[in-house]
C-alpha cells in the first residue's frame, strides 16, 4: 500500500534531477549563464551538484521499495 507514494516521490526526484542536469549541460555547452549575476563556474557547479543530489535522492526512494 505504501509503495505508491514512494514511486511517485522517486519519479518526481528523478525527473527533476534529470531535467536540471540536462538544462545545466545545455546552458554550459552554449556558453550561456546558468544564473544571473553569479560566477559561471560556481553556478554551473552548484546546479550540477543539486541535480546529482536530486537524482541520488530519487534512486534512494526506489531502493527503499
PDB file of N, CA and C in Angstrom:
ATOM      1  N   UNK A   1       0.803  -1.205   0.000  1.00  0.00           N
ATOM      2  CA  UNK A   1       0.000   0.000   0.000  1.00  0.00           C
ATOM      3  C   UNK A   1       0.844   1.267   0.000  1.00  0.00           C
ATOM      4  N   UNK A   2       1.983   1.227   0.661  1.00  0.00           N
ATOM      5  CA  UNK A   2       2.790   2.440   0.771  1.00  0.00           C
ATOM      6  C   UNK A   2       3.804   2.578  -0.348  1.00  0.00           C
ATOM      7  N   UNK A   3       3.807   1.683  -1.309  1.00  0.00           N
ATOM      8  CA  UNK A   3       4.769   1.804  -2.397  1.00  0.00           C
ATOM      9  C   UNK A   3       4.348   2.872  -3.406  1.00  0.00           C
ATOM     10  N   UNK A   4       3.073   3.209  -3.458  1.00  0.00           N
ATOM     11  CA  UNK A   4       2.591   4.232  -4.389  1.00  0.00           C
ATOM     12  C   UNK A   4       3.227   5.590  -4.164  1.00  0.00           C
ATOM     13  N   UNK A   5       3.195   6.123  -2.932  1.00  0.00           N
ATOM     14  CA  UNK A   5       3.839   7.409  -2.687  1.00  0.00           C
ATOM     15  C   UNK A   5       5.351   7.374  -2.890  1.00  0.00           C
ATOM     16  N   UNK A   6       5.969   6.231  -2.598  1.00  0.00           N
ATOM     17  CA  UNK A   6       7.410   6.120  -2.784  1.00  0.00           C
ATOM     18  C   UNK A   6       7.760   6.164  -4.263  1.00  0.00           C
ATOM     19  N   UNK A   7       6.980   5.486  -5.076  1.00  0.00           N
ATOM     20  CA  UNK A   7       7.213   5.514  -6.526  1.00  0.00           C
ATOM     21  C   UNK A   7       6.991   6.914  -7.067  1.00  0.00           C
ATOM     22  N   UNK A   8       5.930   7.576  -6.610  1.00  0.00           N
ATOM     23  CA  UNK A   8       5.648   8.933  -7.064  1.00  0.00           C
ATOM     24  C   UNK A   8       6.784   9.881  -6.686  1.00  0.00           C
ATOM     25  N   UNK A   9       7.230   9.837  -5.438  1.00  0.00           N
ATOM     26  CA  UNK A   9       8.311  10.714  -4.995  1.00  0.00           C
ATOM     27  C   UNK A   9       9.600  10.417  -5.749  1.00  0.00           C
ATOM     28  N   UNK A  10       9.900   9.140  -5.945  1.00  0.00           N
ATOM     29  CA  UNK A  10      11.102   8.773  -6.692  1.00  0.00           C
ATOM     30  C   UNK A  10      11.059   9.293  -8.115  1.00  0.00           C
ATOM     31  N   UNK A  11       9.911   9.187  -8.765  1.00  0.00           N
ATOM     32  CA  UNK A  11       9.791   9.681 -10.140  1.00  0.00           C
ATOM     33  C   UNK A  11       9.927  11.198 -10.208  1.00  0.00           C
ATOM     34  N   UNK A  12       9.349  11.888  -9.231  1.00  0.00           N
ATOM     35  CA  UNK A  12       9.464  13.351  -9.215  1.00  0.00           C
ATOM     36  C   UNK A  12      10.925  13.759  -9.067  1.00  0.00           C
ATOM     37  N   UNK A  13      11.635  13.132  -8.136  1.00  0.00           N
ATOM     38  CA  UNK A  13      13.040  13.472  -7.926  1.00  0.00           C
ATOM     39  C   UNK A  13      13.890  13.146  -9.150  1.00  0.00           C
ATOM     40  N   UNK A  14      13.661  11.984  -9.751  1.00  0.00           N
ATOM     41  CA  UNK A  14      14.458  11.584 -10.910  1.00  0.00           C
ATOM     42  C   UNK A  14      14.174  12.494 -12.107  1.00  0.00           C
ATOM     43  N   UNK A  15      12.914  12.812 -12.347  1.00  0.00           N
ATOM     44  CA  UNK A  15      12.582  13.694 -13.472  1.00  0.00           C
ATOM     45  C   UNK A  15      13.140  15.100 -13.275  1.00  0.00           C
ATOM     46  N   UNK A  16      13.011  15.632 -12.052  1.00  0.00           N
ATOM     47  CA  UNK A  16      13.541  16.966 -11.793  1.00  0.00           C
ATOM     48  C   UNK A  16      15.058  16.974 -11.902  1.00  0.00           C
ATOM     49  N   UNK A  17      15.724  15.999 -11.299  1.00  0.00           N
ATOM     50  CA  UNK A  17      17.180  15.944 -11.342  1.00  0.00           C
ATOM     51  C   UNK A  17      17.704  15.771 -12.755  1.00  0.00           C
ATOM     52  N   UNK A  18      17.051  14.915 -13.528  1.00  0.00           N
ATOM     53  CA  UNK A  18      17.467  14.728 -14.915  1.00  0.00           C
ATOM     54  C   UNK A  18      17.268  15.975 -15.753  1.00  0.00           C
ATOM     55  N   UNK A  19      16.131  16.627 -15.578  1.00  0.00           N
ATOM     56  CA  UNK A  19      15.864  17.853 -16.335  1.00  0.00           C
ATOM     57  C   UNK A  19      16.842  18.959 -15.951  1.00  0.00           C
ATOM     58  N   UNK A  20      17.135  19.082 -14.667  1.00  0.00           N
ATOM     59  CA  UNK A  20      18.092  20.101 -14.219  1.00  0.00           C
ATOM     60  C   UNK A  20      19.480  19.819 -14.760  1.00  0.00           C
ATOM     61  N   UNK A  21      19.878  18.560 -14.786  1.00  0.00           N
ATOM     62  CA  UNK A  21      21.193  18.197 -15.301  1.00  0.00           C
ATOM     63  C   UNK A  21      21.297  18.475 -16.795  1.00  0.00           C
ATOM     64  N   UNK A  22      20.264  18.126 -17.554  1.00  0.00           N
ATOM     65  CA  UNK A  22      20.269  18.387 -18.991  1.00  0.00           C
ATOM     66  C   UNK A  22      20.263  19.885 -19.260  1.00  0.00           C
ATOM     67  N   UNK A  23      19.420  20.623 -18.542  1.00  0.00           N
ATOM     68  CA  UNK A  23      19.332  22.070 -18.742  1.00  0.00           C
ATOM     69  C   UNK A  23      20.674  22.748 -18.436  1.00  0.00           C
ATOM     70  N   UNK A  24      21.315  22.340 -17.354  1.00  0.00           N
ATOM     71  CA  UNK A  24      22.608  22.914 -16.981  1.00  0.00           C
ATOM     72  C   UNK A  24      23.655  22.593 -18.045  1.00  0.00           C
ATOM     73  N   UNK A  25      23.679  21.357 -18.524  1.00  0.00           N
ATOM     74  CA  UNK A  25      24.659  20.973 -19.539  1.00  0.00           C
ATOM     75  C   UNK A  25      24.464  21.756 -20.834  1.00  0.00           C
ATOM     76  N   UNK A  26      23.220  21.965 -21.234  1.00  0.00           N
ATOM     77  CA  UNK A  26      22.952  22.719 -22.463  1.00  0.00           C
ATOM     78  C   UNK A  26      23.392  24.172 -22.297  1.00  0.00           C
ATOM     79  N   UNK A  27      23.083  24.768 -21.141  1.00  0.00           N
ATOM     80  CA  UNK A  27      23.478  26.167 -20.908  1.00  0.00           C
ATOM     81  C   UNK A  27      24.995  26.320 -20.918  1.00  0.00           C
ATOM     82  N   UNK A  28      25.691  25.390 -20.267  1.00  0.00           N
ATOM     83  CA  UNK A  28      27.156  25.463 -20.215  1.00  0.00           C
ATOM     84  C   UNK A  28      27.747  25.241 -21.601  1.00  0.00           C
ATOM     85  N   UNK A  29      27.209  24.288 -22.337  1.00  0.00           N
ATOM     86  CA  UNK A  29      27.736  23.986 -23.659  1.00  0.00           C
ATOM     87  C   UNK A  29      27.580  25.164 -24.628  1.00  0.00           C
ATOM     88  N   UNK A  30      26.488  25.900 -24.503  1.00  0.00           N
ATOM     89  CA  UNK A  30      26.274  27.063 -25.367  1.00  0.00           C
ATOM     90  C   UNK A  30      26.972  28.320 -24.846  1.00  0.00           C
ATOM     91  N   UNK A  31      27.592  28.227 -23.706  1.00  0.00           N
ATOM     92  CA  UNK A  31      28.291  29.379 -23.145  1.00  0.00           C
ATOM     93  C   UNK A  31      27.368  30.408 -22.523  1.00  0.00           C
ATOM     94  N   UNK A  32      26.160  30.021 -22.217  1.00  0.00           N
ATOM     95  CA  UNK A  32      25.187  30.925 -21.611  1.00  0.00           C
ATOM     96  C   UNK A  32      25.251  30.789 -20.094  1.00  0.00           C
ATOM     97  N   UNK A  33      24.888  31.841 -19.372  1.00  0.00           N
ATOM     98  CA  UNK A  33      24.945  31.758 -17.907  1.00  0.00           C
ATOM     99  C   UNK A  33      23.870  30.825 -17.352  1.00  0.00           C
ATOM    100  N   UNK A  34      24.216  30.133 -16.285  1.00  0.00           N
ATOM    101  CA  UNK A  34      23.260  29.263 -15.614  1.00  0.00           C
ATOM    102  C   UNK A  34      22.405  30.088 -14.651  1.00  0.00           C
ATOM    103  N   UNK A  35      23.007  31.106 -14.039  1.00  0.00           N
ATOM    104  CA  UNK A  35      22.297  32.015 -13.132  1.00  0.00           C
ATOM    105  C   UNK A  35      22.799  33.431 -13.389  1.00  0.00           C
ATOM    106  N   UNK A  36      21.951  34.403 -13.191  1.00  0.00           N
ATOM    107  CA  UNK A  36      22.341  35.793 -13.410  1.00  0.00           C
ATOM    108  C   UNK A  36      23.181  36.316 -12.251  1.00  0.00           C
ATOM    109  N   UNK A  37      24.143  37.166 -12.583  1.00  0.00           N
ATOM    110  CA  UNK A  37      24.972  37.881 -11.616  1.00  0.00           C
ATOM    111  C   UNK A  37      25.745  36.954 -10.680  1.00  0.00           C
ATOM    112  N   UNK A  38      26.089  35.756 -11.165  1.00  0.00           N
ATOM    113  CA  UNK A  38      26.867  34.802 -10.389  1.00  0.00           C
ATOM    114  C   UNK A  38      27.974  34.290 -11.301  1.00  0.00           C
ATOM    115  N   UNK A  39      29.075  33.886 -10.703  1.00  0.00           N
ATOM    116  CA  UNK A  39      30.166  33.315 -11.473  1.00  0.00           C
ATOM    117  C   UNK A  39      29.660  32.116 -12.284  1.00  0.00           C
ATOM    118  N   UNK A  40      30.000  32.059 -13.573  1.00  0.00           N
ATOM    119  CA  UNK A  40      29.514  30.935 -14.390  1.00  0.00           C
ATOM    120  C   UNK A  40      29.977  29.574 -13.877  1.00  0.00           C
ATOM    121  N   UNK A  41      31.190  29.506 -13.377  1.00  0.00           N
ATOM    122  CA  UNK A  41      31.702  28.233 -12.867  1.00  0.00           C
ATOM    123  C   UNK A  41      30.969  27.835 -11.590  1.00  0.00           C
ATOM    124  N   UNK A  42      30.777  28.796 -10.691  1.00  0.00           N
ATOM    125  CA  UNK A  42      30.107  28.497  -9.428  1.00  0.00           C
ATOM    126  C   UNK A  42      28.648  28.104  -9.646  1.00  0.00           C
ATOM    127  N   UNK A  43      27.957  28.807 -10.524  1.00  0.00           N
ATOM    128  CA  UNK A  43      26.548  28.484 -10.745  1.00  0.00           C
ATOM    129  C   UNK A  43      26.392  27.137 -11.436  1.00  0.00           C
ATOM    130  N   UNK A  44      27.276  26.813 -12.382  1.00  0.00           N
ATOM    131  CA  UNK A  44      27.195  25.513 -13.044  1.00  0.00           C
ATOM    132  C   UNK A  44      27.528  24.390 -12.064  1.00  0.00           C
ATOM    133  N   UNK A  45      28.512  24.622 -11.213  1.00  0.00           N
ATOM    134  CA  UNK A  45      28.877  23.599 -10.231  1.00  0.00           C
ATOM    135  C   UNK A  45      27.749  23.371  -9.227  1.00  0.00           C
ATOM    136  N   UNK A  46      27.151  24.432  -8.752  1.00  0.00           N
ATOM    137  CA  UNK A  46      26.062  24.302  -7.783  1.00  0.00           C
ATOM    138  C   UNK A  46      24.838  23.628  -8.410  1.00  0.00           C
ATOM    139  N   UNK A  47      24.504  24.010  -9.635  1.00  0.00           N
ATOM    140  CA  UNK A  47      23.362  23.388 -10.307  1.00  0.00           C
ATOM    141  C   UNK A  47      23.646  21.916 -10.600  1.00  0.00           C
ATOM    142  N   UNK A  48      24.868  21.613 -10.983  1.00  0.00           N
ATOM    143  CA  UNK A  48      25.236  20.215 -11.223  1.00  0.00           C
ATOM    144  C   UNK A  48      25.171  19.389  -9.950  1.00  0.00           C
ATOM    145  N   UNK A  49      25.649  19.961  -8.842  1.00  0.00           N
ATOM    146  CA  UNK A  49      25.584  19.261  -7.561  1.00  0.00           C
ATOM    147  C   UNK A  49      24.137  19.030  -7.139  1.00  0.00           C
ATOM    148  N   UNK A  50      23.292  20.026  -7.322  1.00  0.00           N
ATOM    149  CA  UNK A  50      21.882  19.884  -6.961  1.00  0.00           C
ATOM    150  C   UNK A  50      21.206  18.813  -7.822  1.00  0.00           C
ATOM    151  N   UNK A  51      21.553  18.755  -9.096  1.00  0.00           N
ATOM    152  CA  UNK A  51      20.970  17.754  -9.983  1.00  0.00           C
ATOM    153  C   UNK A  51      21.392  16.345  -9.579  1.00  0.00           C
ATOM    154  N   UNK A  52      22.676  16.171  -9.287  1.00  0.00           N
ATOM    155  CA  UNK A  52      23.161  14.843  -8.891  1.00  0.00           C
ATOM    156  C   UNK A  52      22.574  14.440  -7.543  1.00  0.00           C
ATOM    157  N   UNK A  53      22.466  15.384  -6.621  1.00  0.00           N
ATOM    158  CA  UNK A  53      21.885  15.085  -5.310  1.00  0.00           C
ATOM    159  C   UNK A  53      20.414  14.689  -5.450  1.00  0.00           C
ATOM    160  N   UNK A  54      19.686  15.355  -6.321  1.00  0.00           N
ATOM    161  CA  UNK A  54      18.278  15.023  -6.537  1.00  0.00           C
ATOM    162  C   UNK A  54      18.126  13.654  -7.204  1.00  0.00           C
ATOM    163  N   UNK A  55      19.015  13.345  -8.149  1.00  0.00           N
ATOM    164  CA  UNK A  55      18.992  12.016  -8.760  1.00  0.00           C
ATOM    165  C   UNK A  55      19.311  10.941  -7.725  1.00  0.00           C
ATOM    166  N   UNK A  56      20.250  11.215  -6.847  1.00  0.00           N
ATOM    167  CA  UNK A  56      20.589  10.248  -5.794  1.00  0.00           C
ATOM    168  C   UNK A  56      19.416  10.056  -4.840  1.00  0.00           C
ATOM    169  N   UNK A  57      18.710  11.120  -4.529  1.00  0.00           N
ATOM    170  CA  UNK A  57      17.536  11.011  -3.665  1.00  0.00           C
ATOM    171  C   UNK A  57      16.439  10.180  -4.332  1.00  0.00           C
ATOM    172  N   UNK A  58      16.260  10.362  -5.630  1.00  0.00           N
ATOM    173  CA  UNK A  58      15.294   9.545  -6.357  1.00  0.00           C
ATOM    174  C   UNK A  58      15.693   8.079  -6.367  1.00  0.00           C
ATOM    175  N   UNK A  59      16.983   7.814  -6.549  1.00  0.00           N
ATOM    176  CA  UNK A  59      17.464   6.429  -6.516  1.00  0.00           C
ATOM    177  C   UNK A  59      17.257   5.826  -5.130  1.00  0.00           C
ATOM    178  N   UNK A  60      17.476   6.611  -4.103  1.00  0.00           N
ATOM    179  CA  UNK A  60      17.268   6.136  -2.734  1.00  0.00           C
ATOM    180  C   UNK A  60      15.799   5.768  -2.513  1.00  0.00           C
ATOM    181  N   UNK A  61      14.889   6.559  -3.063  1.00  0.00           N
ATOM    182  CA  UNK A  61      13.462   6.244  -2.950  1.00  0.00           C
ATOM    183  C   UNK A  61      13.150   4.907  -3.604  1.00  0.00           C
ATOM    184  N   UNK A  62      13.745   4.639  -4.772  1.00  0.00           N
ATOM    185  CA  UNK A  62      13.475   3.389  -5.447  1.00  0.00           C
ATOM    186  C   UNK A  62      14.127   2.205  -4.760  1.00  0.00           C
ATOM    187  N   UNK A  63      15.252   2.420  -4.116  1.00  0.00           N
ATOM    188  CA  UNK A  63      15.917   1.336  -3.383  1.00  0.00           C
ATOM    189  C   UNK A  63      15.069   0.926  -2.184  1.00  0.00           C
ATOM    190  N   UNK A  64      14.347   1.862  -1.589  1.00  0.00           N
ATOM    191  CA  UNK A  64      13.550   1.588  -0.401  1.00  0.00           C
ATOM    192  C   UNK A  64      12.294   0.770  -0.701  1.00  0.00           C
ATOM    193  N   UNK A  65      11.994   0.562  -1.970  1.00  0.00           N
ATOM    194  CA  UNK A  65      10.825  -0.257  -2.323  1.00  0.00           C
ATOM    195  C   UNK A  65      11.108  -1.669  -1.896  1.00  0.00           C
TER     196      UNK A  65
END
